[in-house]
């Protein structure tokens, strides 16, 4: 039992710096846009999403209430008027639920889009949109 506790303590210490750094990244940032996801094409997706500016860097932040029912090869990108903008996909979706922080490309300009999109690359369909 003592070994299990020591292992748990070691894992907690190993993970804590990453969690603290993720929180520090957004401290003092300004929310530029925010919205909530709506599932598409039969998918259930919910939760808040924001674009946060901190200095010269922008981040896409999925809120702790984010929930995605799963699909093969989900990607994050941006749309304009309901159409995925070519070249706007910037990352794969790392987790199906919970808070996540993604750094946006240096040349990203939120005014070029009106939706955050979760896209299925494998089937070429939108899984969710968050209109802002």
N, C-alpha and C. Protein backbone atom coordinates (compact mmCIF):
# COMPACT_ATOMS: atom_id res chain seq x y z
N UNK A 1 0.83 -1.20 0.00
CA UNK A 1 0.00 0.00 0.00
C UNK A 1 0.87 1.26 0.00
N UNK A 2 1.96 1.21 0.75
CA UNK A 2 2.85 2.35 0.83
C UNK A 2 3.44 2.67 -0.55
N UNK A 3 3.74 1.62 -1.34
CA UNK A 3 4.28 1.83 -2.68
C UNK A 3 3.26 2.50 -3.59
N UNK A 4 1.99 2.14 -3.43
CA UNK A 4 0.93 2.76 -4.24
C UNK A 4 0.83 4.25 -3.92
N UNK A 5 0.88 4.59 -2.65
CA UNK A 5 0.80 6.00 -2.24
C UNK A 5 2.00 6.76 -2.76
N UNK A 6 3.18 6.19 -2.67
CA UNK A 6 4.38 6.85 -3.17
C UNK A 6 4.30 7.04 -4.69
N UNK A 7 3.81 6.04 -5.39
CA UNK A 7 3.67 6.14 -6.83
C UNK A 7 2.66 7.22 -7.19
N UNK A 8 1.53 7.28 -6.49
CA UNK A 8 0.52 8.30 -6.72
C UNK A 8 1.10 9.69 -6.46
N UNK A 9 1.85 9.84 -5.39
CA UNK A 9 2.47 11.13 -5.06
C UNK A 9 3.45 11.55 -6.14
N UNK A 10 4.24 10.61 -6.63
CA UNK A 10 5.20 10.92 -7.68
C UNK A 10 4.49 11.34 -8.96
N UNK A 11 3.41 10.65 -9.30
CA UNK A 11 2.64 11.01 -10.49
C UNK A 11 2.00 12.38 -10.34
N UNK A 12 1.49 12.69 -9.18
CA UNK A 12 0.87 13.99 -8.93
C UNK A 12 1.90 15.10 -9.09
N UNK A 13 3.09 14.91 -8.52
CA UNK A 13 4.15 15.91 -8.65
C UNK A 13 4.60 16.05 -10.10
N UNK A 14 4.66 14.94 -10.81
CA UNK A 14 5.09 14.98 -12.20
C UNK A 14 4.06 15.70 -13.08
N UNK A 15 2.78 15.55 -12.78
CA UNK A 15 1.74 16.17 -13.59
C UNK A 15 1.45 17.61 -13.20
N UNK A 16 1.62 17.96 -11.96
CA UNK A 16 1.25 19.29 -11.47
C UNK A 16 1.93 20.43 -12.20
N UNK A 17 3.23 20.36 -12.50
CA UNK A 17 3.84 21.49 -13.20
C UNK A 17 3.18 21.76 -14.55
N UNK A 18 2.78 20.73 -15.27
CA UNK A 18 2.12 20.94 -16.56
C UNK A 18 0.77 21.61 -16.37
N UNK A 19 0.02 21.20 -15.37
CA UNK A 19 -1.28 21.80 -15.12
C UNK A 19 -1.12 23.26 -14.72
N UNK A 20 -0.15 23.55 -13.90
CA UNK A 20 0.09 24.93 -13.47
C UNK A 20 0.51 25.78 -14.65
N UNK A 21 1.37 25.26 -15.52
CA UNK A 21 1.82 26.02 -16.67
C UNK A 21 0.66 26.31 -17.61
N UNK A 22 -0.22 25.35 -17.82
CA UNK A 22 -1.38 25.57 -18.69
C UNK A 22 -2.24 26.69 -18.13
N UNK A 23 -2.44 26.71 -16.82
CA UNK A 23 -3.22 27.77 -16.20
C UNK A 23 -2.53 29.12 -16.32
N UNK A 24 -1.21 29.13 -16.16
CA UNK A 24 -0.44 30.37 -16.25
C UNK A 24 -0.48 30.96 -17.65
N UNK A 25 -0.56 30.12 -18.66
CA UNK A 25 -0.57 30.60 -20.04
C UNK A 25 -1.71 31.58 -20.26
N UNK A 26 -2.87 31.31 -19.68
CA UNK A 26 -4.05 32.13 -19.92
C UNK A 26 -4.22 33.28 -18.93
N UNK A 27 -3.47 33.25 -17.83
CA UNK A 27 -3.61 34.30 -16.81
C UNK A 27 -3.35 35.67 -17.43
N UNK A 28 -4.30 36.57 -17.25
CA UNK A 28 -4.17 37.93 -17.77
C UNK A 28 -4.57 38.06 -19.23
N UNK A 29 -5.05 36.98 -19.83
CA UNK A 29 -5.46 37.03 -21.23
C UNK A 29 -6.82 37.69 -21.39
N UNK A 30 -7.11 38.13 -22.60
CA UNK A 30 -8.39 38.78 -22.92
C UNK A 30 -9.19 37.89 -23.86
N UNK A 31 -10.45 37.65 -23.50
CA UNK A 31 -11.33 36.87 -24.36
C UNK A 31 -11.73 37.73 -25.55
N UNK A 32 -11.41 37.25 -26.75
CA UNK A 32 -11.71 37.97 -27.99
C UNK A 32 -13.07 37.55 -28.52
N UNK A 33 -13.33 36.24 -28.51
CA UNK A 33 -14.61 35.68 -28.97
C UNK A 33 -14.97 34.52 -28.04
N UNK A 34 -16.26 34.26 -27.91
CA UNK A 34 -16.70 33.09 -27.15
C UNK A 34 -18.02 32.59 -27.71
N UNK A 35 -18.26 31.30 -27.52
CA UNK A 35 -19.46 30.68 -28.05
C UNK A 35 -19.66 29.34 -27.38
N UNK A 36 -20.64 28.58 -27.86
CA UNK A 36 -20.89 27.21 -27.41
C UNK A 36 -21.06 26.32 -28.62
N UNK A 37 -20.59 25.08 -28.51
CA UNK A 37 -20.70 24.14 -29.62
C UNK A 37 -22.10 23.59 -29.78
N UNK A 38 -22.46 23.34 -31.03
CA UNK A 38 -23.68 22.64 -31.42
C UNK A 38 -23.24 21.49 -32.32
N UNK A 39 -23.66 20.28 -32.01
CA UNK A 39 -23.31 19.13 -32.83
C UNK A 39 -23.95 19.20 -34.20
N UNK A 40 -23.30 18.57 -35.18
CA UNK A 40 -23.81 18.51 -36.55
C UNK A 40 -23.67 17.10 -37.07
N UNK A 41 -24.45 16.80 -38.11
CA UNK A 41 -24.39 15.50 -38.78
C UNK A 41 -24.53 14.33 -37.82
N UNK A 42 -25.49 14.47 -36.89
CA UNK A 42 -25.80 13.40 -35.96
C UNK A 42 -24.88 13.29 -34.76
N UNK A 43 -23.97 14.23 -34.57
CA UNK A 43 -23.05 14.17 -33.44
C UNK A 43 -23.53 15.05 -32.29
N UNK A 44 -23.25 14.59 -31.09
CA UNK A 44 -23.58 15.33 -29.88
C UNK A 44 -22.30 16.00 -29.38
N UNK A 45 -22.30 17.32 -29.43
CA UNK A 45 -21.15 18.10 -28.98
C UNK A 45 -21.71 19.29 -28.22
N UNK A 46 -21.13 19.56 -27.05
CA UNK A 46 -21.60 20.69 -26.25
C UNK A 46 -20.42 21.29 -25.49
N UNK A 47 -20.68 22.45 -24.92
CA UNK A 47 -19.67 23.11 -24.10
C UNK A 47 -19.19 24.41 -24.72
N UNK A 48 -18.60 25.20 -23.87
CA UNK A 48 -18.13 26.51 -24.29
C UNK A 48 -16.76 26.47 -24.92
N UNK A 49 -16.49 27.50 -25.72
CA UNK A 49 -15.20 27.66 -26.38
C UNK A 49 -14.90 29.15 -26.49
N UNK A 50 -13.63 29.50 -26.35
CA UNK A 50 -13.23 30.90 -26.43
C UNK A 50 -11.93 31.04 -27.21
N UNK A 51 -11.76 32.22 -27.77
CA UNK A 51 -10.47 32.61 -28.33
C UNK A 51 -9.91 33.65 -27.36
N UNK A 52 -8.73 33.37 -26.83
CA UNK A 52 -8.11 34.23 -25.82
C UNK A 52 -6.81 34.81 -26.38
N UNK A 53 -6.65 36.12 -26.22
CA UNK A 53 -5.44 36.82 -26.65
C UNK A 53 -4.60 37.13 -25.41
N UNK A 54 -3.33 36.77 -25.45
CA UNK A 54 -2.40 37.15 -24.39
C UNK A 54 -1.13 37.63 -25.06
N UNK A 55 -0.90 38.91 -24.98
CA UNK A 55 0.22 39.49 -25.71
C UNK A 55 -0.02 39.31 -27.20
N UNK A 56 0.99 38.81 -27.90
CA UNK A 56 0.88 38.57 -29.34
C UNK A 56 0.37 37.18 -29.67
N UNK A 57 0.07 36.38 -28.67
CA UNK A 57 -0.31 34.98 -28.88
C UNK A 57 -1.81 34.81 -28.62
N UNK A 58 -2.46 34.01 -29.49
CA UNK A 58 -3.87 33.70 -29.32
C UNK A 58 -4.03 32.21 -29.08
N UNK A 59 -5.02 31.88 -28.27
CA UNK A 59 -5.29 30.48 -27.92
C UNK A 59 -6.76 30.18 -28.13
N UNK A 60 -7.04 28.94 -28.54
CA UNK A 60 -8.40 28.42 -28.55
C UNK A 60 -8.55 27.62 -27.27
N UNK A 61 -9.57 27.93 -26.48
CA UNK A 61 -9.77 27.29 -25.18
C UNK A 61 -11.12 26.59 -25.16
N UNK A 62 -11.11 25.28 -24.98
CA UNK A 62 -12.33 24.52 -24.78
C UNK A 62 -12.60 24.52 -23.29
N UNK A 63 -13.80 24.89 -22.89
CA UNK A 63 -14.16 25.02 -21.47
C UNK A 63 -14.21 23.65 -20.78
N UNK A 64 -14.18 23.65 -19.45
CA UNK A 64 -14.27 22.38 -18.71
C UNK A 64 -15.53 21.57 -19.02
N UNK A 65 -16.60 22.25 -19.47
CA UNK A 65 -17.85 21.54 -19.78
C UNK A 65 -17.88 20.96 -21.20
N UNK A 66 -16.78 21.06 -21.95
CA UNK A 66 -16.73 20.54 -23.32
C UNK A 66 -16.95 19.03 -23.32
N UNK A 67 -17.82 18.56 -24.23
CA UNK A 67 -18.13 17.14 -24.35
C UNK A 67 -18.39 16.81 -25.82
N UNK A 68 -17.69 15.80 -26.34
CA UNK A 68 -17.77 15.38 -27.74
C UNK A 68 -18.00 13.88 -27.76
N UNK A 69 -18.96 13.42 -28.59
CA UNK A 69 -19.30 12.00 -28.60
C UNK A 69 -18.31 11.13 -29.36
N UNK A 70 -17.33 11.73 -30.00
CA UNK A 70 -16.27 10.98 -30.66
C UNK A 70 -16.52 10.73 -32.13
N UNK A 71 -15.44 10.64 -32.88
CA UNK A 71 -15.46 10.35 -34.32
C UNK A 71 -14.01 10.12 -34.74
N UNK A 72 -13.82 9.46 -35.88
CA UNK A 72 -12.45 9.27 -36.33
C UNK A 72 -11.83 10.58 -36.84
N UNK A 73 -10.61 10.83 -36.46
CA UNK A 73 -9.82 11.92 -37.02
C UNK A 73 -10.42 13.32 -36.84
N UNK A 74 -10.89 13.70 -35.63
CA UNK A 74 -11.44 15.05 -35.46
C UNK A 74 -10.34 16.10 -35.46
N UNK A 75 -10.61 17.19 -36.15
CA UNK A 75 -9.68 18.31 -36.27
C UNK A 75 -10.37 19.60 -35.85
N UNK A 76 -9.58 20.59 -35.48
CA UNK A 76 -10.08 21.92 -35.13
C UNK A 76 -9.72 22.89 -36.24
N UNK A 77 -10.70 23.68 -36.65
CA UNK A 77 -10.48 24.67 -37.69
C UNK A 77 -11.53 25.76 -37.59
N UNK A 78 -11.64 26.56 -38.64
CA UNK A 78 -12.56 27.70 -38.64
C UNK A 78 -13.36 27.73 -39.93
N UNK A 79 -14.58 28.26 -39.82
CA UNK A 79 -15.49 28.34 -40.95
C UNK A 79 -15.97 29.77 -41.12
N UNK A 80 -16.47 30.03 -42.32
CA UNK A 80 -17.13 31.29 -42.62
C UNK A 80 -18.44 30.95 -43.31
N UNK A 81 -19.54 31.44 -42.78
CA UNK A 81 -20.87 31.19 -43.36
C UNK A 81 -21.16 29.71 -43.54
N UNK A 82 -20.79 28.89 -42.55
CA UNK A 82 -21.10 27.47 -42.56
C UNK A 82 -20.19 26.60 -43.41
N UNK A 83 -19.16 27.18 -44.03
CA UNK A 83 -18.23 26.42 -44.86
C UNK A 83 -16.83 26.45 -44.24
N UNK A 84 -16.24 25.27 -44.06
CA UNK A 84 -14.88 25.19 -43.55
C UNK A 84 -13.96 25.95 -44.49
N UNK A 85 -13.15 26.84 -43.94
CA UNK A 85 -12.22 27.62 -44.73
C UNK A 85 -10.97 26.79 -45.00
N UNK A 86 -10.64 26.66 -46.27
CA UNK A 86 -9.46 25.88 -46.66
C UNK A 86 -8.23 26.42 -45.95
N UNK A 87 -7.44 25.51 -45.40
CA UNK A 87 -6.21 25.88 -44.71
C UNK A 87 -6.40 26.35 -43.28
N UNK A 88 -7.64 26.32 -42.76
CA UNK A 88 -7.88 26.83 -41.41
C UNK A 88 -7.70 25.77 -40.32
N UNK A 89 -7.60 24.50 -40.70
CA UNK A 89 -7.39 23.45 -39.70
C UNK A 89 -6.00 23.62 -39.10
N UNK A 90 -5.94 23.70 -37.77
CA UNK A 90 -4.67 23.97 -37.12
C UNK A 90 -4.24 22.90 -36.13
N UNK A 91 -5.13 21.95 -35.78
CA UNK A 91 -4.77 20.94 -34.79
C UNK A 91 -5.77 19.80 -34.81
N UNK A 92 -5.33 18.65 -34.37
CA UNK A 92 -6.25 17.57 -34.06
C UNK A 92 -6.88 17.84 -32.71
N UNK A 93 -8.04 17.27 -32.46
CA UNK A 93 -8.69 17.39 -31.16
C UNK A 93 -8.03 16.38 -30.23
N UNK A 94 -7.47 16.84 -29.12
CA UNK A 94 -6.70 15.96 -28.23
C UNK A 94 -7.55 15.06 -27.34
N UNK A 95 -8.67 15.60 -26.83
CA UNK A 95 -9.51 14.86 -25.90
C UNK A 95 -10.98 15.05 -26.25
N UNK A 96 -11.82 14.09 -25.87
CA UNK A 96 -13.25 14.18 -26.13
C UNK A 96 -14.01 14.96 -25.07
N UNK A 97 -13.35 15.33 -23.99
CA UNK A 97 -14.05 16.10 -22.96
C UNK A 97 -13.06 16.90 -22.12
N UNK A 98 -13.59 17.95 -21.52
CA UNK A 98 -12.82 18.74 -20.57
C UNK A 98 -12.06 19.90 -21.19
N UNK A 99 -11.45 20.67 -20.30
CA UNK A 99 -10.72 21.88 -20.68
C UNK A 99 -9.48 21.51 -21.50
N UNK A 100 -9.30 22.27 -22.57
CA UNK A 100 -8.15 22.09 -23.44
C UNK A 100 -7.72 23.46 -23.95
N UNK A 101 -6.41 23.63 -24.13
CA UNK A 101 -5.87 24.89 -24.62
C UNK A 101 -5.00 24.59 -25.84
N UNK A 102 -5.29 25.30 -26.94
CA UNK A 102 -4.55 25.13 -28.20
C UNK A 102 -4.00 26.48 -28.63
N UNK A 103 -2.72 26.53 -28.95
CA UNK A 103 -2.13 27.76 -29.46
C UNK A 103 -2.52 27.91 -30.93
N UNK A 104 -3.00 29.09 -31.29
CA UNK A 104 -3.41 29.35 -32.67
C UNK A 104 -2.21 29.81 -33.49
N UNK A 105 -2.27 29.63 -34.81
CA UNK A 105 -1.16 30.07 -35.67
C UNK A 105 -0.89 31.56 -35.51
N UNK A 106 0.35 31.95 -35.72
CA UNK A 106 0.78 33.33 -35.55
C UNK A 106 -0.04 34.29 -36.41
N UNK A 107 -0.39 33.89 -37.63
CA UNK A 107 -1.11 34.78 -38.53
C UNK A 107 -2.63 34.68 -38.39
N UNK A 108 -3.13 34.04 -37.35
CA UNK A 108 -4.57 33.87 -37.16
C UNK A 108 -5.25 35.22 -36.93
N UNK A 109 -6.39 35.42 -37.61
CA UNK A 109 -7.20 36.63 -37.45
C UNK A 109 -8.66 36.20 -37.31
N UNK A 110 -9.22 36.31 -36.12
CA UNK A 110 -10.58 35.85 -35.83
C UNK A 110 -11.62 36.52 -36.73
N UNK A 111 -11.34 37.72 -37.22
CA UNK A 111 -12.32 38.43 -38.04
C UNK A 111 -12.49 37.80 -39.43
N UNK A 112 -11.60 36.88 -39.80
CA UNK A 112 -11.71 36.19 -41.09
C UNK A 112 -12.73 35.06 -41.05
N UNK A 113 -13.26 34.75 -39.87
CA UNK A 113 -14.15 33.60 -39.68
C UNK A 113 -15.34 34.01 -38.82
N UNK A 114 -16.37 33.16 -38.79
CA UNK A 114 -17.47 33.41 -37.86
C UNK A 114 -17.87 32.15 -37.08
N UNK A 115 -17.09 31.06 -37.25
CA UNK A 115 -17.38 29.82 -36.52
C UNK A 115 -16.08 29.06 -36.22
N UNK A 116 -16.09 28.41 -35.08
CA UNK A 116 -15.06 27.43 -34.74
C UNK A 116 -15.65 26.07 -35.11
N UNK A 117 -14.87 25.26 -35.79
CA UNK A 117 -15.38 24.01 -36.34
C UNK A 117 -14.60 22.81 -35.83
N UNK A 118 -15.33 21.75 -35.49
CA UNK A 118 -14.70 20.44 -35.30
C UNK A 118 -15.02 19.66 -36.56
N UNK A 119 -14.00 19.23 -37.26
CA UNK A 119 -14.11 18.66 -38.59
C UNK A 119 -13.61 17.22 -38.61
N UNK A 120 -14.32 16.35 -39.31
CA UNK A 120 -13.86 14.97 -39.50
C UNK A 120 -13.13 14.90 -40.83
N UNK A 121 -11.81 14.84 -40.76
CA UNK A 121 -10.99 14.78 -41.97
C UNK A 121 -11.25 13.50 -42.77
N UNK A 122 -11.47 12.41 -42.06
CA UNK A 122 -11.65 11.12 -42.72
C UNK A 122 -12.86 11.11 -43.65
N UNK A 123 -13.98 11.70 -43.20
CA UNK A 123 -15.21 11.69 -43.99
C UNK A 123 -15.55 13.04 -44.60
N UNK A 124 -14.76 14.07 -44.30
CA UNK A 124 -14.99 15.37 -44.89
C UNK A 124 -16.29 16.03 -44.48
N UNK A 125 -16.66 15.92 -43.18
CA UNK A 125 -17.90 16.52 -42.69
C UNK A 125 -17.65 17.29 -41.39
N UNK A 126 -18.51 18.26 -41.17
CA UNK A 126 -18.47 19.01 -39.92
C UNK A 126 -19.11 18.18 -38.81
N UNK A 127 -18.45 18.13 -37.66
CA UNK A 127 -18.98 17.43 -36.50
C UNK A 127 -19.65 18.38 -35.52
N UNK A 128 -19.18 19.63 -35.51
CA UNK A 128 -19.74 20.64 -34.61
C UNK A 128 -19.30 22.03 -35.06
N UNK A 129 -20.13 23.01 -34.71
CA UNK A 129 -19.83 24.41 -34.98
C UNK A 129 -20.12 25.23 -33.73
N UNK A 130 -19.33 26.27 -33.54
CA UNK A 130 -19.58 27.24 -32.49
C UNK A 130 -19.54 28.61 -33.16
N UNK A 131 -20.72 29.16 -33.45
CA UNK A 131 -20.82 30.43 -34.15
C UNK A 131 -20.56 31.57 -33.17
N UNK A 132 -19.70 32.51 -33.60
CA UNK A 132 -19.43 33.70 -32.77
C UNK A 132 -19.69 34.96 -33.54
